């Protein structure tokens, strides 16, 4: 899991930037909001609908297809929880607007290991409020600029060339080694967006995980349940028809509604049978180009009753499906 911090003062436009990042890269991204205070405001902008929780980290589905996580508890523990349960390819951290970026970086560096990599952090600066914020909150504002590898200046669409150059020069004076972008990010091409997800904290280039039609990939989830037996049927039917990637093998044991079910997928067929209650639901999927987010939605997204016929009565003993 690669972690990209998108910092910025209150109202700078972090949420809008993150939604654009998700839209233009098309990569599997989770977003962790580290809110300040009792009420999370940005989550209302990012989320499309509440989808439950994993541990103490709240999870929401986003309009652009990724997910949103929010926590007011232990930050590092929340990141580890996401890495071990949601396991996205990328995690975008959106700190509170009044947080010290240096503190967030130090916190994440404590939990870096072979499966967690810190990318070069970004800061969004409100061009209209730059000077007033710098004057009123110098410690926080300077920290957010100095600790960023790239600073994007927002809300300068109507500014003159001279005004843009002046802000660029003043930001560069605070952080000579950083990159300052005063042109609006909406003009960036896909390669520029993807580059933000491929630059390590030390500036090195990180190769994206290659997609292969030959080498199998494994996707595992735990601590999950599914809304109903019908929803599990829908998942498996879509799975064997190739709608969720080239999954060649899958198995798991999950609570479906009020009962525990075990499923197995092999050679384009699936079976479902009753199971003894377990401490948590688990599932594993093996194949190529696995659509992880699409699979994950079956286990966490709040959905209406699927249209596959009448709800069966009693517990499952055995159900089989095939292509």
C-alpha atoms as a PDB file:
ATOM      1  CA  UNK A   1       0.000   0.000   0.000  1.00  0.00           C
ATOM      2  CA  UNK A   2       1.394   3.364  -1.057  1.00  0.00           C
ATOM      3  CA  UNK A   3       0.406   6.397   1.023  1.00  0.00           C
ATOM      4  CA  UNK A   4      -0.023   9.872  -0.448  1.00  0.00           C
ATOM      5  CA  UNK A   5      -0.633  12.757   1.963  1.00  0.00           C
ATOM      6  CA  UNK A   6      -2.654  15.645   0.531  1.00  0.00           C
ATOM      7  CA  UNK A   7      -2.296  18.458   3.048  1.00  0.00           C
ATOM      8  CA  UNK A   8      -3.541  22.034   3.030  1.00  0.00           C
ATOM      9  CA  UNK A   9      -5.081  24.671   5.258  1.00  0.00           C
ATOM     10  CA  UNK A  10      -8.820  24.913   5.901  1.00  0.00           C
ATOM     11  CA  UNK A  11     -10.735  25.620   2.691  1.00  0.00           C
ATOM     12  CA  UNK A  12      -7.756  25.164   0.375  1.00  0.00           C
ATOM     13  CA  UNK A  13      -9.578  22.607  -1.789  1.00  0.00           C
ATOM     14  CA  UNK A  14      -8.053  19.281  -0.671  1.00  0.00           C
ATOM     15  CA  UNK A  15     -11.271  17.326  -1.131  1.00  0.00           C
ATOM     16  CA  UNK A  16     -11.815  18.624  -4.666  1.00  0.00           C
ATOM     17  CA  UNK A  17      -8.212  17.800  -5.563  1.00  0.00           C
ATOM     18  CA  UNK A  18      -8.503  14.252  -4.211  1.00  0.00           C
ATOM     19  CA  UNK A  19     -11.689  13.605  -6.179  1.00  0.00           C
ATOM     20  CA  UNK A  20      -9.882  14.764  -9.334  1.00  0.00           C
ATOM     21  CA  UNK A  21      -6.939  12.482  -8.513  1.00  0.00           C
ATOM     22  CA  UNK A  22      -9.272   9.511  -8.190  1.00  0.00           C
ATOM     23  CA  UNK A  23     -11.106  10.348 -11.389  1.00  0.00           C
ATOM     24  CA  UNK A  24      -8.043  10.918 -13.587  1.00  0.00           C
ATOM     25  CA  UNK A  25      -5.822   8.042 -12.429  1.00  0.00           C
ATOM     26  CA  UNK A  26      -8.369   5.233 -12.375  1.00  0.00           C
ATOM     27  CA  UNK A  27      -6.300   3.480  -9.713  1.00  0.00           C
ATOM     28  CA  UNK A  28      -7.649   1.665  -6.656  1.00  0.00           C
ATOM     29  CA  UNK A  29      -7.570   4.385  -4.003  1.00  0.00           C
ATOM     30  CA  UNK A  30      -8.758   4.585  -0.427  1.00  0.00           C
ATOM     31  CA  UNK A  31      -9.052   7.949   1.301  1.00  0.00           C
ATOM     32  CA  UNK A  32      -8.400   8.398   5.013  1.00  0.00           C
ATOM     33  CA  UNK A  33      -9.767  11.554   6.586  1.00  0.00           C
ATOM     34  CA  UNK A  34      -8.126  12.593   9.817  1.00  0.00           C
ATOM     35  CA  UNK A  35     -10.857  14.912  11.055  1.00  0.00           C
ATOM     36  CA  UNK A  36     -10.548  17.667  13.631  1.00  0.00           C
ATOM     37  CA  UNK A  37     -13.264  18.047  16.243  1.00  0.00           C
ATOM     38  CA  UNK A  38     -16.485  16.137  16.714  1.00  0.00           C
ATOM     39  CA  UNK A  39     -18.065  16.605  13.291  1.00  0.00           C
ATOM     40  CA  UNK A  40     -16.528  15.422  10.012  1.00  0.00           C
ATOM     41  CA  UNK A  41     -17.488  17.849   7.255  1.00  0.00           C
ATOM     42  CA  UNK A  42     -15.396  16.671   4.292  1.00  0.00           C
ATOM     43  CA  UNK A  43     -16.788  13.158   4.609  1.00  0.00           C
ATOM     44  CA  UNK A  44     -20.197  14.522   3.644  1.00  0.00           C
ATOM     45  CA  UNK A  45     -18.672  15.854   0.428  1.00  0.00           C
ATOM     46  CA  UNK A  46     -16.713  12.704  -0.398  1.00  0.00           C
ATOM     47  CA  UNK A  47     -19.189  10.036   0.545  1.00  0.00           C
ATOM     48  CA  UNK A  48     -22.074   8.772  -1.533  1.00  0.00           C
ATOM     49  CA  UNK A  49     -23.603   6.645   1.194  1.00  0.00           C
ATOM     50  CA  UNK A  50     -22.649   5.037   4.460  1.00  0.00           C
ATOM     51  CA  UNK A  51     -21.452   1.463   4.054  1.00  0.00           C
ATOM     52  CA  UNK A  52     -20.666   0.291   7.548  1.00  0.00           C
ATOM     53  CA  UNK A  53     -17.337  -0.019   9.296  1.00  0.00           C
ATOM     54  CA  UNK A  54     -14.221  -2.142   9.640  1.00  0.00           C
ATOM     55  CA  UNK A  55     -12.904  -2.069  13.184  1.00  0.00           C
ATOM     56  CA  UNK A  56     -13.000   1.533  14.375  1.00  0.00           C
ATOM     57  CA  UNK A  57     -12.458   2.966  10.892  1.00  0.00           C
ATOM     58  CA  UNK A  58     -15.625   4.116   9.124  1.00  0.00           C
ATOM     59  CA  UNK A  59     -15.864   3.241   5.437  1.00  0.00           C
ATOM     60  CA  UNK A  60     -17.863   4.995   2.715  1.00  0.00           C
ATOM     61  CA  UNK A  61     -18.300   4.419  -0.998  1.00  0.00           C
ATOM     62  CA  UNK A  62     -17.264   7.320  -3.246  1.00  0.00           C
ATOM     63  CA  UNK A  63     -18.847   8.568  -6.449  1.00  0.00           C
ATOM     64  CA  UNK A  64     -15.606   7.968  -8.382  1.00  0.00           C
ATOM     65  CA  UNK A  65     -15.435   4.336  -7.316  1.00  0.00           C
ATOM     66  CA  UNK A  66     -12.972   4.442  -4.443  1.00  0.00           C
ATOM     67  CA  UNK A  67     -13.658   4.388  -0.746  1.00  0.00           C
ATOM     68  CA  UNK A  68     -13.411   6.829   2.095  1.00  0.00           C
ATOM     69  CA  UNK A  69     -12.256   6.086   5.627  1.00  0.00           C
ATOM     70  CA  UNK A  70     -12.582   8.419   8.583  1.00  0.00           C
ATOM     71  CA  UNK A  71     -11.130   8.269  12.057  1.00  0.00           C
ATOM     72  CA  UNK A  72     -10.721  10.441  15.110  1.00  0.00           C
ATOM     73  CA  UNK A  73      -8.790   7.790  17.015  1.00  0.00           C
ATOM     74  CA  UNK A  74      -5.215   6.524  16.830  1.00  0.00           C
ATOM     75  CA  UNK A  75      -3.999   7.595  13.391  1.00  0.00           C
ATOM     76  CA  UNK A  76      -1.193   5.065  12.905  1.00  0.00           C
ATOM     77  CA  UNK A  77      -3.390   2.208  14.128  1.00  0.00           C
ATOM     78  CA  UNK A  78      -6.099   3.254  11.668  1.00  0.00           C
ATOM     79  CA  UNK A  79      -3.626   3.178   8.771  1.00  0.00           C
ATOM     80  CA  UNK A  80      -2.498  -0.320   9.769  1.00  0.00           C
ATOM     81  CA  UNK A  81      -6.134  -1.421  10.028  1.00  0.00           C
ATOM     82  CA  UNK A  82      -6.803  -0.213   6.486  1.00  0.00           C
ATOM     83  CA  UNK A  83      -3.627  -1.906   5.194  1.00  0.00           C
ATOM     84  CA  UNK A  84      -4.600  -5.222   6.763  1.00  0.00           C
ATOM     85  CA  UNK A  85      -8.323  -5.222   5.964  1.00  0.00           C
ATOM     86  CA  UNK A  86      -9.176  -2.977   3.017  1.00  0.00           C
ATOM     87  CA  UNK A  87      -5.688  -3.411   1.485  1.00  0.00           C
ATOM     88  CA  UNK A  88      -5.984  -0.790  -1.292  1.00  0.00           C
ATOM     89  CA  UNK A  89      -3.202  -0.194  -3.782  1.00  0.00           C
ATOM     90  CA  UNK A  90      -3.071   3.454  -2.682  1.00  0.00           C
ATOM     91  CA  UNK A  91      -4.157   5.260   0.474  1.00  0.00           C
ATOM     92  CA  UNK A  92      -4.638   9.035   0.229  1.00  0.00           C
ATOM     93  CA  UNK A  93      -4.445  10.700   3.636  1.00  0.00           C
ATOM     94  CA  UNK A  94      -6.341  13.976   3.996  1.00  0.00           C
ATOM     95  CA  UNK A  95      -5.224  15.521   7.310  1.00  0.00           C
ATOM     96  CA  UNK A  96      -7.232  18.158   9.108  1.00  0.00           C
ATOM     97  CA  UNK A  97      -6.607  21.615   7.686  1.00  0.00           C
ATOM     98  CA  UNK A  98      -5.098  22.822  10.956  1.00  0.00           C
ATOM     99  CA  UNK A  99      -2.698  19.885  11.339  1.00  0.00           C
ATOM    100  CA  UNK A 100       1.087  19.935  11.153  1.00  0.00           C
ATOM    101  CA  UNK A 101       2.188  18.019   8.067  1.00  0.00           C
ATOM    102  CA  UNK A 102       5.518  17.172   9.729  1.00  0.00           C
ATOM    103  CA  UNK A 103       3.652  15.338  12.504  1.00  0.00           C
ATOM    104  CA  UNK A 104       1.621  13.286  10.024  1.00  0.00           C
ATOM    105  CA  UNK A 105       4.783  12.307   8.136  1.00  0.00           C
ATOM    106  CA  UNK A 106       6.616  11.325  11.330  1.00  0.00           C
ATOM    107  CA  UNK A 107       3.648   9.229  12.423  1.00  0.00           C
ATOM    108  CA  UNK A 108       3.530   7.340   9.135  1.00  0.00           C
ATOM    109  CA  UNK A 109       7.281   6.789   9.007  1.00  0.00           C
ATOM    110  CA  UNK A 110       6.991   4.814  12.245  1.00  0.00           C
ATOM    111  CA  UNK A 111       4.841   2.175  10.557  1.00  0.00           C
ATOM    112  CA  UNK A 112       6.585   1.961   7.179  1.00  0.00           C
ATOM    113  CA  UNK A 113       7.609  -1.557   6.220  1.00  0.00           C
ATOM    114  CA  UNK A 114       7.706  -3.635   3.048  1.00  0.00           C
ATOM    115  CA  UNK A 115       3.935  -3.381   2.542  1.00  0.00           C
ATOM    116  CA  UNK A 116       3.552   0.330   3.392  1.00  0.00           C
ATOM    117  CA  UNK A 117       5.394   2.995   1.384  1.00  0.00           C
ATOM    118  CA  UNK A 118       5.166   6.762   1.888  1.00  0.00           C
ATOM    119  CA  UNK A 119       4.876   8.794  -1.329  1.00  0.00           C
ATOM    120  CA  UNK A 120       6.031  12.387  -1.799  1.00  0.00           C
ATOM    121  CA  UNK A 121       3.472  14.513   0.105  1.00  0.00           C
ATOM    122  CA  UNK A 122       1.467  17.327  -1.496  1.00  0.00           C
ATOM    123  CA  UNK A 123       0.032  20.554  -0.123  1.00  0.00           C
ATOM    124  CA  UNK A 124      -2.838  22.561  -1.589  1.00  0.00           C
ATOM    125  CA  UNK A 125      -2.589  26.311  -1.003  1.00  0.00           C
ATOM    126  CA  UNK A 126      -5.521  28.696  -1.420  1.00  0.00           C
ATOM    127  CA  UNK A 127      -4.097  31.463  -3.603  1.00  0.00           C
ATOM    128  CA  UNK A 128      -6.766  33.924  -2.518  1.00  0.00           C
ATOM    129  CA  UNK A 129      -6.052  33.443   1.192  1.00  0.00           C
ATOM    130  CA  UNK A 130      -2.318  32.751   1.025  1.00  0.00           C
ATOM    131  CA  UNK A 131      -1.066  35.971   2.574  1.00  0.00           C
ATOM    132  CA  UNK A 132      -3.749  36.275   5.253  1.00  0.00           C
ATOM    133  CA  UNK A 133      -3.316  32.643   6.355  1.00  0.00           C
ATOM    134  CA  UNK A 134       0.450  33.003   6.367  1.00  0.00           C
ATOM    135  CA  UNK A 135       0.157  36.082   8.564  1.00  0.00           C
ATOM    136  CA  UNK A 136      -2.392  34.655  11.023  1.00  0.00           C
ATOM    137  CA  UNK A 137      -1.167  31.030  11.264  1.00  0.00           C
ATOM    138  CA  UNK A 138       2.536  31.159  10.326  1.00  0.00           C
ATOM    139  CA  UNK A 139       3.678  28.014  12.167  1.00  0.00           C
ATOM    140  CA  UNK A 140       1.090  25.660  10.679  1.00  0.00           C
ATOM    141  CA  UNK A 141       1.116  27.267   7.250  1.00  0.00           C
ATOM    142  CA  UNK A 142       4.897  27.238   6.845  1.00  0.00           C
ATOM    143  CA  UNK A 143       5.078  23.635   8.066  1.00  0.00           C
ATOM    144  CA  UNK A 144       2.535  22.490   5.483  1.00  0.00           C
ATOM    145  CA  UNK A 145       4.514  24.182   2.702  1.00  0.00           C
ATOM    146  CA  UNK A 146       8.018  23.210   3.801  1.00  0.00           C
ATOM    147  CA  UNK A 147       7.201  19.532   4.327  1.00  0.00           C
ATOM    148  CA  UNK A 148       5.508  19.100   0.932  1.00  0.00           C
ATOM    149  CA  UNK A 149       7.374  17.921  -2.133  1.00  0.00           C
ATOM    150  CA  UNK A 150       4.868  19.666  -4.410  1.00  0.00           C
ATOM    151  CA  UNK A 151       2.629  22.643  -3.668  1.00  0.00           C
ATOM    152  CA  UNK A 152      -0.456  23.155  -5.836  1.00  0.00           C
ATOM    153  CA  UNK A 153      -1.933  26.661  -5.663  1.00  0.00           C
ATOM    154  CA  UNK A 154      -5.714  26.670  -6.084  1.00  0.00           C
ATOM    155  CA  UNK A 155      -8.256  29.403  -6.803  1.00  0.00           C
ATOM    156  CA  UNK A 156      -6.011  31.465  -9.078  1.00  0.00           C
ATOM    157  CA  UNK A 157      -8.093  31.059 -12.229  1.00  0.00           C
ATOM    158  CA  UNK A 158      -8.906  34.766 -12.304  1.00  0.00           C
ATOM    159  CA  UNK A 159      -5.505  35.996 -11.123  1.00  0.00           C
ATOM    160  CA  UNK A 160      -3.169  37.931 -13.403  1.00  0.00           C
ATOM    161  CA  UNK A 161       0.175  36.580 -14.551  1.00  0.00           C
ATOM    162  CA  UNK A 162       1.929  38.991 -12.201  1.00  0.00           C
ATOM    163  CA  UNK A 163      -0.132  37.788  -9.229  1.00  0.00           C
ATOM    164  CA  UNK A 164       0.655  34.164 -10.003  1.00  0.00           C
ATOM    165  CA  UNK A 165       4.356  34.862 -10.341  1.00  0.00           C
ATOM    166  CA  UNK A 166       4.392  36.770  -7.033  1.00  0.00           C
ATOM    167  CA  UNK A 167       2.742  33.901  -5.127  1.00  0.00           C
ATOM    168  CA  UNK A 168       5.042  31.365  -6.772  1.00  0.00           C
ATOM    169  CA  UNK A 169       8.110  33.347  -5.737  1.00  0.00           C
ATOM    170  CA  UNK A 170       6.911  33.785  -2.158  1.00  0.00           C
ATOM    171  CA  UNK A 171       6.125  30.070  -1.759  1.00  0.00           C
ATOM    172  CA  UNK A 172       9.463  29.119  -3.283  1.00  0.00           C
ATOM    173  CA  UNK A 173      11.156  31.423  -0.768  1.00  0.00           C
ATOM    174  CA  UNK A 174       9.601  29.349   2.017  1.00  0.00           C
ATOM    175  CA  UNK A 175      10.569  26.044   0.406  1.00  0.00           C
ATOM    176  CA  UNK A 176      13.267  26.433  -2.292  1.00  0.00           C
ATOM    177  CA  UNK A 177      13.600  22.654  -2.788  1.00  0.00           C
ATOM    178  CA  UNK A 178       9.904  22.080  -3.456  1.00  0.00           C
ATOM    179  CA  UNK A 179       7.955  22.271  -6.693  1.00  0.00           C
ATOM    180  CA  UNK A 180       5.288  24.986  -6.930  1.00  0.00           C
ATOM    181  CA  UNK A 181       2.441  24.665  -9.450  1.00  0.00           C
ATOM    182  CA  UNK A 182       0.299  27.774  -9.938  1.00  0.00           C
ATOM    183  CA  UNK A 183      -1.476  26.559 -13.075  1.00  0.00           C
ATOM    184  CA  UNK A 184      -4.738  24.869 -12.160  1.00  0.00           C
ATOM    185  CA  UNK A 185      -4.426  21.092 -11.910  1.00  0.00           C
ATOM    186  CA  UNK A 186      -7.504  20.589 -14.097  1.00  0.00           C
ATOM    187  CA  UNK A 187      -5.201  21.032 -17.083  1.00  0.00           C
ATOM    188  CA  UNK A 188      -2.946  18.122 -16.111  1.00  0.00           C
ATOM    189  CA  UNK A 189      -2.916  15.033 -18.331  1.00  0.00           C
ATOM    190  CA  UNK A 190      -3.239  11.488 -17.029  1.00  0.00           C
ATOM    191  CA  UNK A 191       0.532  10.939 -17.012  1.00  0.00           C
ATOM    192  CA  UNK A 192       1.004  13.914 -14.670  1.00  0.00           C
ATOM    193  CA  UNK A 193      -1.703  12.620 -12.321  1.00  0.00           C
ATOM    194  CA  UNK A 194      -0.182   9.130 -12.305  1.00  0.00           C
ATOM    195  CA  UNK A 195       3.257  10.590 -11.570  1.00  0.00           C
ATOM    196  CA  UNK A 196       1.918  11.762  -8.201  1.00  0.00           C
ATOM    197  CA  UNK A 197       1.332   8.105  -7.318  1.00  0.00           C
ATOM    198  CA  UNK A 198       4.770   6.972  -8.476  1.00  0.00           C
ATOM    199  CA  UNK A 199       7.091   9.363  -6.635  1.00  0.00           C
ATOM    200  CA  UNK A 200       8.554   8.095  -3.384  1.00  0.00           C
ATOM    201  CA  UNK A 201       9.081  10.254  -0.318  1.00  0.00           C
ATOM    202  CA  UNK A 202      12.780  10.491  -1.157  1.00  0.00           C
ATOM    203  CA  UNK A 203      11.997  11.532  -4.726  1.00  0.00           C
ATOM    204  CA  UNK A 204      12.699   8.140  -6.262  1.00  0.00           C
ATOM    205  CA  UNK A 205      10.449   6.727  -8.964  1.00  0.00           C
ATOM    206  CA  UNK A 206       8.302   3.815  -7.808  1.00  0.00           C
ATOM    207  CA  UNK A 207       7.128   1.435 -10.473  1.00  0.00           C
ATOM    208  CA  UNK A 208       3.393   0.814 -10.491  1.00  0.00           C
ATOM    209  CA  UNK A 209       2.302  -2.765  -9.962  1.00  0.00           C
ATOM    210  CA  UNK A 210       2.207  -4.286 -13.457  1.00  0.00           C
ATOM    211  CA  UNK A 211      -0.962  -5.905 -14.672  1.00  0.00           C
ATOM    212  CA  UNK A 212      -0.369  -9.348 -16.105  1.00  0.00           C
ATOM    213  CA  UNK A 213      -2.627 -11.714 -17.951  1.00  0.00           C
ATOM    214  CA  UNK A 214      -0.395 -14.646 -16.968  1.00  0.00           C
ATOM    215  CA  UNK A 215       0.697 -14.226 -13.364  1.00  0.00           C
ATOM    216  CA  UNK A 216      -2.124 -14.790 -10.846  1.00  0.00           C
ATOM    217  CA  UNK A 217      -2.884 -12.233  -8.158  1.00  0.00           C
ATOM    218  CA  UNK A 218      -4.424 -12.836  -4.738  1.00  0.00           C
ATOM    219  CA  UNK A 219      -6.970 -10.621  -3.005  1.00  0.00           C
ATOM    220  CA  UNK A 220      -8.008 -11.417   0.573  1.00  0.00           C
ATOM    221  CA  UNK A 221     -10.501  -9.737   2.879  1.00  0.00           C
ATOM    222  CA  UNK A 222     -11.387 -10.451   6.495  1.00  0.00           C
ATOM    223  CA  UNK A 223     -13.713  -9.148   9.168  1.00  0.00           C
ATOM    224  CA  UNK A 224     -16.537  -8.850   6.651  1.00  0.00           C
ATOM    225  CA  UNK A 225     -20.106 -10.015   6.187  1.00  0.00           C
ATOM    226  CA  UNK A 226     -22.616  -9.889   3.372  1.00  0.00           C
ATOM    227  CA  UNK A 227     -26.160  -8.588   3.554  1.00  0.00           C
ATOM    228  CA  UNK A 228     -28.016 -11.745   2.535  1.00  0.00           C
ATOM    229  CA  UNK A 229     -27.660 -15.172   0.862  1.00  0.00           C
ATOM    230  CA  UNK A 230     -29.107 -13.598  -2.304  1.00  0.00           C
ATOM    231  CA  UNK A 231     -26.319 -11.050  -2.344  1.00  0.00           C
ATOM    232  CA  UNK A 232     -23.755 -13.854  -2.116  1.00  0.00           C
ATOM    233  CA  UNK A 233     -25.433 -15.573  -5.057  1.00  0.00           C
ATOM    234  CA  UNK A 234     -25.252 -12.377  -7.083  1.00  0.00           C
ATOM    235  CA  UNK A 235     -21.555 -12.057  -6.280  1.00  0.00           C
ATOM    236  CA  UNK A 236     -20.727 -15.607  -7.317  1.00  0.00           C
ATOM    237  CA  UNK A 237     -22.812 -15.498 -10.496  1.00  0.00           C
ATOM    238  CA  UNK A 238     -21.046 -12.327 -11.573  1.00  0.00           C
ATOM    239  CA  UNK A 239     -17.709 -13.819 -10.546  1.00  0.00           C
ATOM    240  CA  UNK A 240     -17.930 -16.939 -12.742  1.00  0.00           C
ATOM    241  CA  UNK A 241     -19.106 -14.861 -15.721  1.00  0.00           C
ATOM    242  CA  UNK A 242     -15.961 -12.719 -15.634  1.00  0.00           C
ATOM    243  CA  UNK A 243     -17.642  -9.564 -14.427  1.00  0.00           C
ATOM    244  CA  UNK A 244     -15.184  -9.148 -11.554  1.00  0.00           C
ATOM    245  CA  UNK A 245     -11.962  -9.932 -13.389  1.00  0.00           C
ATOM    246  CA  UNK A 246     -10.317 -13.189 -14.336  1.00  0.00           C
ATOM    247  CA  UNK A 247     -11.005 -14.945 -11.024  1.00  0.00           C
ATOM    248  CA  UNK A 248     -10.138 -18.639 -11.348  1.00  0.00           C
ATOM    249  CA  UNK A 249     -10.388 -19.629  -7.697  1.00  0.00           C
ATOM    250  CA  UNK A 250     -12.231 -18.196  -4.699  1.00  0.00           C
ATOM    251  CA  UNK A 251     -13.395 -19.416  -1.346  1.00  0.00           C
ATOM    252  CA  UNK A 252     -14.623 -17.995   1.912  1.00  0.00           C
ATOM    253  CA  UNK A 253     -16.845 -18.234   4.943  1.00  0.00           C
ATOM    254  CA  UNK A 254     -19.073 -15.244   5.730  1.00  0.00           C
ATOM    255  CA  UNK A 255     -22.175 -14.359   7.664  1.00  0.00           C
ATOM    256  CA  UNK A 256     -24.979 -13.727   5.154  1.00  0.00           C
ATOM    257  CA  UNK A 257     -27.916 -12.087   6.837  1.00  0.00           C
ATOM    258  CA  UNK A 258     -28.636 -14.285   9.855  1.00  0.00           C
ATOM    259  CA  UNK A 259     -26.691 -17.378   8.827  1.00  0.00           C
ATOM    260  CA  UNK A 260     -23.122 -18.438   8.123  1.00  0.00           C
ATOM    261  CA  UNK A 261     -22.316 -19.723   4.636  1.00  0.00           C
ATOM    262  CA  UNK A 262     -19.254 -21.240   3.022  1.00  0.00           C
ATOM    263  CA  UNK A 263     -18.592 -20.746  -0.704  1.00  0.00           C
ATOM    264  CA  UNK A 264     -16.109 -22.226  -3.139  1.00  0.00           C
ATOM    265  CA  UNK A 265     -15.380 -21.247  -6.752  1.00  0.00           C
ATOM    266  CA  UNK A 266     -13.306 -23.406  -9.115  1.00  0.00           C
ATOM    267  CA  UNK A 267     -13.347 -24.164 -12.858  1.00  0.00           C
ATOM    268  CA  UNK A 268     -16.175 -21.736 -13.544  1.00  0.00           C
ATOM    269  CA  UNK A 269     -18.469 -23.297 -10.947  1.00  0.00           C
ATOM    270  CA  UNK A 270     -19.414 -22.407  -7.417  1.00  0.00           C
ATOM    271  CA  UNK A 271     -20.906 -24.122  -4.407  1.00  0.00           C
ATOM    272  CA  UNK A 272     -22.549 -22.662  -1.297  1.00  0.00           C
ATOM    273  CA  UNK A 273     -23.154 -24.620   1.895  1.00  0.00           C
ATOM    274  CA  UNK A 274     -24.020 -23.928   5.496  1.00  0.00           C
ATOM    275  CA  UNK A 275     -21.191 -23.340   7.939  1.00  0.00           C
ATOM    276  CA  UNK A 276     -20.571 -23.132  11.651  1.00  0.00           C
ATOM    277  CA  UNK A 277     -20.329 -19.604  13.078  1.00  0.00           C
ATOM    278  CA  UNK A 278     -16.801 -18.187  12.937  1.00  0.00           C
ATOM    279  CA  UNK A 279     -15.046 -15.365  14.759  1.00  0.00           C
ATOM    280  CA  UNK A 280     -15.017 -13.304  11.538  1.00  0.00           C
ATOM    281  CA  UNK A 281     -15.886 -13.576   7.883  1.00  0.00           C
ATOM    282  CA  UNK A 282     -13.040 -14.236   5.446  1.00  0.00           C
ATOM    283  CA  UNK A 283     -12.665 -14.638   1.695  1.00  0.00           C
ATOM    284  CA  UNK A 284      -9.859 -15.000  -0.821  1.00  0.00           C
ATOM    285  CA  UNK A 285      -9.909 -14.499  -4.606  1.00  0.00           C
ATOM    286  CA  UNK A 286      -7.187 -15.660  -7.003  1.00  0.00           C
ATOM    287  CA  UNK A 287      -6.819 -14.674 -10.664  1.00  0.00           C
ATOM    288  CA  UNK A 288      -5.768 -11.823 -12.943  1.00  0.00           C
ATOM    289  CA  UNK A 289      -6.972  -8.220 -13.114  1.00  0.00           C
ATOM    290  CA  UNK A 290      -9.197  -8.794 -10.090  1.00  0.00           C
ATOM    291  CA  UNK A 291     -11.696  -5.966  -9.613  1.00  0.00           C
ATOM    292  CA  UNK A 292     -11.081  -5.544  -5.901  1.00  0.00           C
ATOM    293  CA  UNK A 293     -13.260  -2.533  -5.308  1.00  0.00           C
ATOM    294  CA  UNK A 294     -16.191  -4.092  -7.138  1.00  0.00           C
ATOM    295  CA  UNK A 295     -15.871  -7.273  -5.060  1.00  0.00           C
ATOM    296  CA  UNK A 296     -15.494  -5.283  -1.862  1.00  0.00           C
ATOM    297  CA  UNK A 297     -18.780  -3.462  -2.496  1.00  0.00           C
ATOM    298  CA  UNK A 298     -20.709  -6.692  -2.084  1.00  0.00           C
ATOM    299  CA  UNK A 299     -19.396  -6.957   1.454  1.00  0.00           C
ATOM    300  CA  UNK A 300     -19.707  -3.347   2.590  1.00  0.00           C
ATOM    301  CA  UNK A 301     -22.075  -1.366   0.389  1.00  0.00           C
ATOM    302  CA  UNK A 302     -25.639  -0.881   1.603  1.00  0.00           C
ATOM    303  CA  UNK A 303     -27.814  -2.146  -1.223  1.00  0.00           C
ATOM    304  CA  UNK A 304     -31.440  -2.955  -1.828  1.00  0.00           C
ATOM    305  CA  UNK A 305     -32.794  -6.464  -2.189  1.00  0.00           C
ATOM    306  CA  UNK A 306     -31.377  -8.124  -5.323  1.00  0.00           C
ATOM    307  CA  UNK A 307     -33.810  -9.070  -8.050  1.00  0.00           C
ATOM    308  CA  UNK A 308     -33.113 -12.772  -8.473  1.00  0.00           C
ATOM    309  CA  UNK A 309     -36.416 -14.235  -7.416  1.00  0.00           C
ATOM    310  CA  UNK A 310     -38.138 -15.015  -4.143  1.00  0.00           C
ATOM    311  CA  UNK A 311     -36.138 -15.290  -0.978  1.00  0.00           C
ATOM    312  CA  UNK A 312     -35.652 -18.955  -0.074  1.00  0.00           C
ATOM    313  CA  UNK A 313     -36.821 -20.219   3.276  1.00  0.00           C
ATOM    314  CA  UNK A 314     -34.665 -22.050   5.769  1.00  0.00           C
ATOM    315  CA  UNK A 315     -30.884 -22.484   5.762  1.00  0.00           C
ATOM    316  CA  UNK A 316     -28.725 -23.400   2.788  1.00  0.00           C
ATOM    317  CA  UNK A 317     -27.544 -26.952   2.602  1.00  0.00           C
ATOM    318  CA  UNK A 318     -25.951 -26.800  -0.842  1.00  0.00           C
ATOM    319  CA  UNK A 319     -26.256 -24.573  -3.884  1.00  0.00           C
ATOM    320  CA  UNK A 320     -24.270 -24.969  -7.085  1.00  0.00           C
ATOM    321  CA  UNK A 321     -23.808 -22.655 -10.045  1.00  0.00           C
ATOM    322  CA  UNK A 322     -21.782 -22.868 -13.268  1.00  0.00           C
ATOM    323  CA  UNK A 323     -21.121 -21.009 -16.487  1.00  0.00           C
END
